[in-house]
Every structure is written in C-alpha cells, then in structure tokens.
Amino acid sequence: MKPIWLALLALTTSIPSMAQTCAESAPCMRARGAVEDLTRIVAPQGVQETYKARIGGIDQWINVRGQDRANPMLLFVHGGPASPSMPTTWQWQRPVEEYFTVAHYDQRGVGKTLRASDAEAVAGTIRIDRFVDDAIEVAEHLRAKYGKDKLILVGHSWGTIVATRAALKRPELFHAYVGIGQVASVRENERISFEFGMAQARKHNNTEALKEMEAIAPYPGDQPITRERIITARKWPQHYGGLSAYRSDSKYYYSGPILSPEYEQADWKAINEGSLLTLGRVLQEWTEVDFSGIKQFPIPIVQFLGRHDYTTPTEPVVKWMAQLKAPSKHSVWFEHSAHMMPWEEPGKTLTSLLTYVRPLATKKPARP
C-alpha cells in the first residue's frame, strides 16, 4: 500500500503491466520458484497452508505459516483497506516464523478473497463494522483449527482501525494487540502529513508540489476529506519519504507480489479491482475514525512507531498512548522506518516481537 489511498490508486496502473511482463519472462518465473523453495516450511512440526474459509458469509482466503505449531499464533490484519499483506510476507516474515505461527487473510473485497466472491454482492457489505466482525470470525476460526486459546492481534495502517475495534469488542480472544502505523485520529493524521509535505516542498523549492498543495489548503481544514483532496494531500508527503523512509517510491513493495508463491496473476489483478471496489465505500467512515477519546484498553498494547511516518503520523498515537490505561503498554520506535516497518526494518520487527510481544503470550522469556 501507498497507504491509505494514493498508493492504491497508483497500484491500479502498475500491477497489470508488471503481471504481463512476468508472465512473459522465464527468468521472472524462475525467480518466483526460487522464492517458493526458499520460503517452504520443512520443519516436521511446522505449518504452511493457504486455504479459504467461510467468514462473514463469504469465502475468505487465509495463509498460515510457522516452524512450530506450538508457538504463539499471530493474526495480521492488513492495511489498505485493499492492500493485502499475503503476497509480500516473503520479503520480511521468514525469521518471525521461527517464533510465531503467523496468519494473514485477504479481507473482503480484495485479492484472492475478491476472486472467490461475487463483487456486486460484496460491494454492499463494505463497512468498517463488517471488516471488524470478519477479523473476529477469522480469529475464532484460527483458534478452533489450530487449538489456540488466544491469539496475538496485529494491525497495520488501515488494519489498525479494524484490529483496534476487534480488540475492544472481543478482548478475550487476544493475548495482546500490536499496532503498526496505528491510526489514532484520521483528521489529525491528514493535517500533520499535509504540513510535512508543505514544509518539504518549501525546503526543496518544489514549485509543482507547492502549487498543488496550496490549491487545497488549508487541509483538511473544516472541509470534507474527499477522494480528490486526499490524492493531492498524500502525493507529496509520500514523495518525501513519509511512506518508506529515505525513498521517493516503494517499488520494492509494489513489485513484491510478482514473486509471491501465494499469488497468481489473477490475484494481482484482483488487488486493483479491490481498490476500486472499496475506496469510495469506506471513505466517509474512515475520515471519522478517532480513538483519542478511548481511555481504557482491555488487553496489553504495543505500538511500533516509524520515526519518519507521515502516512499515519506518530504524534496522535504518542498522545493517545500517554493517556491510555491498559494491563501493560509499550511503544517501540523504528528509527529508520516510515510507515512500512516490517518491510523497512525486518530485523527490528523480529527483535521487538520477541522482546515485547512473545512474553505476553508465553508468560516466559523468549528463547534465544
């Protein structure tokens, strides 16, 4: 994702050409095979499954991987709302699988799940509360299938909206909640991100950026956050590294599905279709999200904060965490990341999960 909106719109033009190129390229297909072999789980007690399950009245695709079924299970709720994490887990997740069994699912309206559904029928269900109930159903399904009393719940970007609400609604299902690129207040996020983009444009004397951003200023102000305003507002903060630190683009991420063993070409196309299906339908709800009034959290909460994140800026999250009462809480700063922490600092992601999260599920120190 060039989370939450702008990058998904860009993705609709990039994926088809990439898919066609790969389909015609033998070297690309050989590389895909190498990734598949490298990431194959061979441990006797391990698990590697990609399958569909009936969730929320439709078939939703789930991917589960880990070296030892006895490890704590982590449920990852992807961003977007239509940016599945399943096709890029190969870029960062392999070491995590030695200490956790990790589950991803393609949410309704995107990727493999969209292909398994009637898009017209699903369109009317694209609401935040339905995504929340889906996450809860996935958690219950995984608990039953893999014999887990509780899971560790992780949300990334848009997924933090879904996961936070799921944790608040059904806390008994989860050992802890981990927010990565947490949304605390959408309107505050938009304001801070826009101000960063303006400051960078002035610093670099970028007249094109200044002209475009000044045309919608003040942003968001007291005006509605429309799709058109978001596209302009997000373009330049992300150009200046607010999505991936020190990068003006994220080809490493957007090209990731090409080599994914879990995704076929039709699945790549369904990312694009899902973007078009979901963006407008959740826009109004999304702009109203604000967790800053929540003072109590029912389970341990850990935040992974990208020092350079201007997609979901960290300032509102820091303020929220300061006032929040929870069984335990911790914030971990990723100094060389913006919004894409697991992809930007996979080593820090692993050690942070081991230090701050795994003990919450095992009640004993993580093994070295």
Protein backbone atom coordinates (compact mmCIF):
# COMPACT_ATOMS: atom_id res chain seq x y z
CA MET A 1 0.00 0.00 0.00
CA LYS A 2 0.95 3.54 -0.51
CA PRO A 3 -1.38 3.67 2.44
CA ILE A 4 -4.10 4.50 2.64
CA TRP A 5 -5.44 5.89 -0.63
CA LEU A 6 -2.92 7.35 -3.02
CA ALA A 7 -0.75 4.32 -3.46
CA LEU A 8 -3.66 2.03 -4.06
CA LEU A 9 -4.74 4.27 -6.91
CA ALA A 10 -1.22 4.12 -8.34
CA LEU A 11 -1.28 0.35 -7.91
CA THR A 12 -4.23 0.06 -10.28
CA THR A 13 -1.98 1.11 -13.15
CA SER A 14 1.23 -0.64 -12.11
CA ILE A 15 0.18 -4.21 -11.36
CA PRO A 16 -1.28 -5.17 -14.78
CA SER A 17 1.90 -4.23 -16.64
CA MET A 18 4.07 -5.97 -14.07
CA ALA A 19 1.96 -9.12 -14.25
CA GLN A 20 2.09 -9.23 -18.03
CA THR A 21 5.85 -8.74 -18.00
CA CYS A 22 6.32 -11.56 -15.54
CA ALA A 23 4.03 -13.87 -17.47
CA GLU A 24 6.25 -13.48 -20.49
CA SER A 25 9.53 -13.73 -18.62
CA ALA A 26 11.12 -17.08 -17.91
CA PRO A 27 13.75 -15.52 -15.59
CA CYS A 28 10.96 -13.95 -13.54
CA MET A 29 9.19 -17.28 -13.17
CA ARG A 30 12.45 -18.98 -12.18
CA ALA A 31 12.94 -16.31 -9.52
CA ARG A 32 9.43 -16.94 -8.25
CA GLY A 33 10.27 -20.63 -7.96
CA ALA A 34 13.41 -19.79 -6.00
CA VAL A 35 11.40 -17.70 -3.55
CA GLU A 36 8.91 -20.52 -3.19
CA ASP A 37 11.67 -23.01 -2.40
CA LEU A 38 13.44 -20.64 -0.01
CA THR A 39 10.28 -19.97 2.00
CA ARG A 40 8.98 -23.53 2.09
CA ILE A 41 8.35 -24.78 5.64
CA VAL A 42 10.11 -28.13 6.07
CA ALA A 43 10.24 -28.46 9.86
CA PRO A 44 8.33 -31.58 10.99
CA GLN A 45 6.14 -29.62 13.41
CA GLY A 46 5.66 -26.71 11.06
CA VAL A 47 2.61 -25.48 9.17
CA GLN A 48 2.25 -23.94 5.71
CA GLU A 49 -1.31 -23.63 4.45
CA THR A 50 -3.21 -21.32 2.14
CA TYR A 51 -6.92 -22.04 2.01
CA LYS A 52 -10.35 -20.46 2.02
CA ALA A 53 -12.78 -20.48 4.93
CA ARG A 54 -16.34 -19.24 5.27
CA ILE A 55 -16.05 -15.90 7.04
CA GLY A 56 -18.80 -13.28 7.23
CA GLY A 57 -20.97 -15.16 4.76
CA ILE A 58 -18.32 -15.34 2.02
CA ASP A 59 -15.18 -17.35 1.31
CA GLN A 60 -12.08 -15.54 2.55
CA TRP A 61 -8.54 -16.74 1.87
CA ILE A 62 -6.19 -17.38 4.79
CA ASN A 63 -2.46 -18.04 4.83
CA VAL A 64 -0.81 -19.69 7.87
CA ARG A 65 2.91 -20.29 8.25
CA GLY A 66 5.25 -21.27 11.07
CA GLN A 67 8.11 -23.59 12.00
CA ASP A 68 6.39 -24.98 15.10
CA ARG A 69 2.63 -25.27 15.68
CA ALA A 70 3.26 -24.96 19.41
CA ASN A 71 4.44 -21.35 19.03
CA PRO A 72 2.08 -18.46 19.78
CA MET A 73 -0.17 -17.55 16.86
CA LEU A 74 -0.15 -14.04 15.43
CA LEU A 75 -3.07 -12.74 13.33
CA PHE A 76 -2.02 -9.93 10.96
CA VAL A 77 -4.78 -7.57 9.75
CA HIS A 78 -3.54 -5.90 6.59
CA GLY A 79 -3.81 -2.31 5.52
CA GLY A 80 -5.38 -0.60 2.61
CA PRO A 81 -8.36 -1.11 3.01
CA ALA A 82 -7.49 -3.14 -0.08
CA SER A 83 -3.77 -3.83 0.25
CA PRO A 84 -3.27 -7.49 1.17
CA SER A 85 -0.11 -8.44 3.03
CA MET A 86 -0.15 -12.07 1.92
CA PRO A 87 1.78 -11.52 -1.35
CA THR A 88 4.67 -9.67 0.31
CA THR A 89 5.20 -11.68 3.50
CA TRP A 90 8.12 -13.41 1.78
CA GLN A 91 10.02 -10.12 1.97
CA TRP A 92 10.20 -9.97 5.77
CA GLN A 93 8.38 -12.74 7.63
CA ARG A 94 10.58 -15.83 7.35
CA PRO A 95 12.61 -15.28 10.59
CA VAL A 96 9.45 -14.38 12.51
CA GLU A 97 8.07 -17.82 11.65
CA GLU A 98 10.66 -19.46 13.90
CA TYR A 99 8.98 -17.94 16.96
CA PHE A 100 5.37 -17.40 15.90
CA THR A 101 2.80 -19.09 13.73
CA VAL A 102 1.65 -16.20 11.53
CA ALA A 103 -1.76 -15.91 9.88
CA HIS A 104 -2.75 -13.45 7.17
CA TYR A 105 -6.04 -13.18 5.33
CA ASP A 106 -7.20 -11.26 2.29
CA GLN A 107 -10.02 -9.07 3.56
CA ARG A 108 -13.36 -8.92 1.79
CA GLY A 109 -13.20 -7.11 -1.50
CA VAL A 110 -9.55 -7.68 -2.38
CA GLY A 111 -7.12 -10.20 -3.81
CA LYS A 112 -7.85 -13.90 -3.52
CA THR A 113 -10.94 -13.25 -1.41
CA LEU A 114 -12.40 -10.97 -4.05
CA ARG A 115 -11.84 -13.64 -6.70
CA ALA A 116 -13.75 -16.13 -4.55
CA SER A 117 -16.72 -13.77 -4.18
CA ASP A 118 -19.45 -12.05 -6.16
CA ALA A 119 -18.11 -8.49 -6.28
CA GLU A 120 -21.55 -6.96 -6.69
CA ALA A 121 -22.86 -8.81 -3.65
CA VAL A 122 -19.82 -7.91 -1.56
CA ALA A 123 -19.97 -4.22 -2.50
CA GLY A 124 -22.95 -3.62 -0.24
CA THR A 125 -21.11 -5.07 2.76
CA ILE A 126 -18.05 -2.80 2.57
CA ARG A 127 -18.38 -1.18 6.02
CA ILE A 128 -15.92 -0.90 8.86
CA ASP A 129 -18.10 -2.85 11.28
CA ARG A 130 -18.28 -5.73 8.79
CA PHE A 131 -14.47 -5.78 8.49
CA VAL A 132 -14.27 -5.85 12.30
CA ASP A 133 -16.67 -8.77 12.56
CA ASP A 134 -14.70 -10.58 9.83
CA ALA A 135 -11.48 -10.19 11.83
CA ILE A 136 -13.20 -11.62 14.89
CA GLU A 137 -14.55 -14.56 12.88
CA VAL A 138 -11.09 -15.22 11.44
CA ALA A 139 -9.66 -15.21 14.98
CA GLU A 140 -12.30 -17.67 16.18
CA HIS A 141 -11.70 -19.89 13.16
CA LEU A 142 -7.94 -19.95 13.78
CA ARG A 143 -8.38 -20.69 17.49
CA ALA A 144 -10.55 -23.69 16.69
CA LYS A 145 -8.48 -25.00 13.77
CA TYR A 146 -5.08 -24.70 15.46
CA GLY A 147 -6.07 -25.31 19.07
CA LYS A 148 -5.15 -21.87 20.41
CA ASP A 149 -6.80 -20.33 23.45
CA LYS A 150 -5.84 -16.80 22.39
CA LEU A 151 -4.03 -15.07 19.54
CA ILE A 152 -1.76 -12.05 19.24
CA LEU A 153 -3.59 -9.46 17.16
CA VAL A 154 -1.56 -7.22 14.83
CA GLY A 155 -2.89 -4.40 12.68
CA HIS A 156 -1.07 -2.38 10.03
CA SER A 157 -2.31 1.04 8.86
CA TRP A 158 -5.99 0.67 7.85
CA GLY A 159 -5.77 -2.70 9.61
CA THR A 160 -5.20 -0.88 12.92
CA ILE A 161 -8.71 0.54 12.66
CA VAL A 162 -10.16 -2.93 12.19
CA ALA A 163 -7.91 -4.61 14.76
CA THR A 164 -8.32 -1.94 17.46
CA ARG A 165 -12.09 -2.24 17.23
CA ALA A 166 -11.86 -6.04 17.24
CA ALA A 167 -9.72 -5.97 20.39
CA LEU A 168 -12.17 -3.62 22.09
CA LYS A 169 -15.15 -5.74 21.06
CA ARG A 170 -13.75 -9.20 21.85
CA PRO A 171 -10.69 -8.80 24.10
CA GLU A 172 -10.97 -12.34 25.44
CA LEU A 173 -9.74 -13.66 22.09
CA PHE A 174 -6.35 -11.99 22.27
CA HIS A 175 -3.19 -12.06 24.40
CA ALA A 176 -2.23 -8.59 23.19
CA TYR A 177 -2.63 -6.05 20.42
CA VAL A 178 0.23 -4.68 18.29
CA GLY A 179 -0.33 -1.55 16.22
CA ILE A 180 1.99 -0.89 13.26
CA GLY A 181 1.38 2.51 11.70
CA GLN A 182 -1.50 2.98 14.11
CA VAL A 183 -4.42 5.24 13.23
CA ALA A 184 -5.41 7.31 16.27
CA SER A 185 -7.18 10.26 14.61
CA VAL A 186 -7.62 10.40 10.85
CA ARG A 187 -8.17 14.15 10.62
CA GLU A 188 -5.09 14.82 12.76
CA ASN A 189 -3.11 12.39 10.62
CA GLU A 190 -4.13 14.22 7.48
CA ARG A 191 -3.26 17.63 8.92
CA ILE A 192 0.20 16.59 10.13
CA SER A 193 1.01 14.71 6.94
CA PHE A 194 -0.01 17.70 4.81
CA GLU A 195 2.06 20.12 6.88
CA PHE A 196 5.09 17.83 6.48
CA GLY A 197 4.59 17.75 2.72
CA MET A 198 4.32 21.53 2.54
CA ALA A 199 7.45 22.00 4.65
CA GLN A 200 9.43 19.61 2.47
CA ALA A 201 8.19 21.25 -0.71
CA ARG A 202 9.32 24.66 0.56
CA LYS A 203 12.66 23.24 1.69
CA HIS A 204 13.29 21.77 -1.77
CA ASN A 205 11.76 24.74 -3.61
CA ASN A 206 9.37 22.33 -5.33
CA THR A 207 7.06 24.74 -7.14
CA GLU A 208 4.93 21.94 -8.61
CA ALA A 209 4.24 20.48 -5.17
CA LEU A 210 3.55 23.87 -3.64
CA LYS A 211 1.09 24.78 -6.36
CA GLU A 212 -0.82 21.52 -5.99
CA MET A 213 -0.92 21.59 -2.19
CA GLU A 214 -1.77 25.28 -1.88
CA ALA A 215 -4.78 24.63 -4.10
CA ILE A 216 -6.40 22.52 -1.36
CA ALA A 217 -5.06 24.39 1.69
CA PRO A 218 -5.94 24.54 4.47
CA TYR A 219 -6.11 20.76 4.57
CA PRO A 220 -8.15 19.13 5.84
CA GLY A 221 -9.49 22.32 7.46
CA ASP A 222 -13.22 22.23 8.03
CA GLN A 223 -13.96 20.83 4.58
CA PRO A 224 -14.88 17.23 3.78
CA ILE A 225 -11.94 14.91 3.11
CA THR A 226 -12.80 13.90 -0.42
CA ARG A 227 -11.01 11.34 -2.54
CA GLU A 228 -9.64 14.10 -4.80
CA ARG A 229 -8.26 16.11 -1.86
CA ILE A 230 -6.67 13.01 -0.34
CA ILE A 231 -4.86 12.15 -3.57
CA THR A 232 -3.28 15.60 -3.69
CA ALA A 233 -2.57 15.76 0.04
CA ARG A 234 -0.87 12.35 0.17
CA LYS A 235 1.19 12.67 -3.00
CA TRP A 236 3.98 14.89 -1.73
CA PRO A 237 4.43 13.70 1.87
CA GLN A 238 4.94 10.22 0.48
CA HIS A 239 7.25 11.52 -2.24
CA TYR A 240 9.46 12.89 0.54
CA GLY A 241 9.71 9.61 2.44
CA GLY A 242 6.57 9.64 4.57
CA LEU A 243 5.70 6.14 3.40
CA SER A 244 9.11 4.49 3.17
CA ALA A 245 11.94 6.37 4.86
CA TYR A 246 14.51 7.97 2.56
CA ARG A 247 12.63 6.76 -0.56
CA SER A 248 10.56 8.65 -3.10
CA ASP A 249 8.91 5.42 -4.24
CA SER A 250 8.32 1.90 -2.97
CA LYS A 251 8.95 -0.33 -5.95
CA TYR A 252 10.43 -2.92 -3.62
CA TYR A 253 6.98 -3.30 -2.06
CA TYR A 254 4.69 -2.86 -5.04
CA SER A 255 6.71 -5.29 -7.13
CA GLY A 256 6.64 -7.86 -4.32
CA PRO A 257 3.54 -9.75 -5.48
CA ILE A 258 5.27 -10.67 -8.75
CA LEU A 259 7.49 -13.15 -6.91
CA SER A 260 4.96 -14.28 -4.31
CA PRO A 261 4.40 -18.05 -4.21
CA GLU A 262 0.90 -17.40 -2.84
CA TYR A 263 -0.36 -15.16 -5.63
CA GLU A 264 -1.23 -15.89 -9.23
CA GLN A 265 -1.59 -13.26 -11.95
CA ALA A 266 -5.36 -13.14 -11.48
CA ASP A 267 -4.78 -12.38 -7.79
CA TRP A 268 -2.56 -9.42 -8.70
CA LYS A 269 -5.35 -8.09 -10.89
CA ALA A 270 -7.81 -8.52 -8.03
CA ILE A 271 -5.75 -6.11 -5.90
CA ASN A 272 -6.54 -3.41 -8.43
CA GLU A 273 -10.20 -4.38 -8.62
CA GLY A 274 -10.43 -4.37 -4.84
CA SER A 275 -9.02 -0.86 -4.64
CA LEU A 276 -11.71 0.43 -6.97
CA LEU A 277 -14.40 -1.52 -5.14
CA THR A 278 -13.60 -0.41 -1.60
CA LEU A 279 -12.09 3.06 -1.57
CA GLY A 280 -15.18 5.16 -2.03
CA ARG A 281 -17.39 2.89 0.05
CA VAL A 282 -15.46 3.34 3.29
CA LEU A 283 -14.19 6.86 2.70
CA GLN A 284 -16.73 8.70 4.85
CA GLU A 285 -16.45 6.22 7.73
CA TRP A 286 -12.67 6.30 7.54
CA THR A 287 -12.47 10.07 7.81
CA GLU A 288 -14.44 9.95 11.06
CA VAL A 289 -12.19 7.45 12.85
CA ASP A 290 -10.83 8.87 16.11
CA PHE A 291 -9.64 6.71 19.00
CA SER A 292 -8.34 9.63 21.06
CA GLY A 293 -11.39 9.53 23.32
CA ILE A 294 -10.71 5.94 24.37
CA LYS A 295 -9.07 5.97 27.81
CA GLN A 296 -9.07 2.27 28.67
CA PHE A 297 -7.72 -0.66 26.66
CA PRO A 298 -8.66 -4.16 27.84
CA ILE A 299 -5.51 -6.07 26.83
CA PRO A 300 -1.78 -5.34 26.65
CA ILE A 301 -0.99 -2.95 23.80
CA VAL A 302 2.29 -2.43 21.94
CA GLN A 303 2.87 0.24 19.31
CA PHE A 304 5.54 0.08 16.59
CA LEU A 305 6.24 3.70 15.62
CA GLY A 306 8.11 4.72 12.47
CA ARG A 307 10.23 7.76 13.22
CA HIS A 308 9.62 9.09 9.69
CA ASP A 309 5.99 8.01 9.30
CA TYR A 310 3.93 10.75 7.68
CA THR A 311 1.29 8.40 6.32
CA THR A 312 -0.12 7.69 9.76
CA PRO A 313 1.95 10.24 11.73
CA THR A 314 3.04 9.19 15.18
CA GLU A 315 2.17 12.34 17.14
CA PRO A 316 -1.51 11.42 17.68
CA VAL A 317 -0.51 7.88 18.71
CA VAL A 318 2.02 9.12 21.26
CA LYS A 319 -0.63 11.38 22.79
CA TRP A 320 -3.17 8.56 22.84
CA MET A 321 -0.79 6.09 24.46
CA ALA A 322 0.13 8.63 27.14
CA GLN A 323 -3.48 8.83 28.35
CA LEU A 324 -4.36 5.17 27.80
CA LYS A 325 -4.71 2.76 30.70
CA ALA A 326 -4.07 -0.88 29.86
CA PRO A 327 -2.79 -4.04 31.58
CA SER A 328 0.53 -3.10 30.00
CA LYS A 329 1.59 -0.75 27.22
CA HIS A 330 4.79 -0.10 25.33
CA SER A 331 5.89 1.95 22.34
CA VAL A 332 8.84 0.90 20.18
CA TRP A 333 10.49 3.44 17.88
CA PHE A 334 11.80 2.33 14.49
CA GLU A 335 14.43 4.94 13.75
CA HIS A 336 14.99 4.01 10.09
CA SER A 337 11.37 3.45 9.09
CA ALA A 338 8.42 5.47 7.97
CA HIS A 339 5.13 3.59 7.58
CA MET A 340 6.31 0.19 6.36
CA MET A 341 8.19 -1.02 9.42
CA PRO A 342 8.21 -4.80 8.85
CA TRP A 343 9.44 -4.26 5.29
CA GLU A 344 11.88 -1.45 6.15
CA GLU A 345 13.37 -2.92 9.35
CA PRO A 346 12.60 -6.64 9.42
CA GLY A 347 15.32 -7.34 11.98
CA LYS A 348 13.97 -4.73 14.36
CA THR A 349 10.48 -6.15 13.79
CA LEU A 350 11.64 -9.60 14.84
CA THR A 351 13.54 -8.50 17.93
CA SER A 352 10.70 -6.21 19.01
CA LEU A 353 8.17 -9.01 18.70
CA LEU A 354 10.43 -11.26 20.75
CA THR A 355 11.17 -8.66 23.42
CA TYR A 356 7.79 -7.02 23.91
CA VAL A 357 5.14 -9.31 22.46
CA ARG A 358 6.01 -13.00 22.71
CA PRO A 359 6.33 -12.94 26.51
CA LEU A 360 2.73 -11.68 26.70
CA ALA A 361 1.62 -14.93 25.09
CA THR A 362 4.06 -17.36 26.67
CA LYS A 363 4.43 -15.85 30.15
CA LYS A 364 8.11 -16.72 29.97
CA PRO A 365 11.18 -15.21 28.27
CA ALA A 366 11.56 -15.78 24.55
CA ARG A 367 14.10 -18.40 23.61
CA PRO A 368 17.34 -17.08 22.15
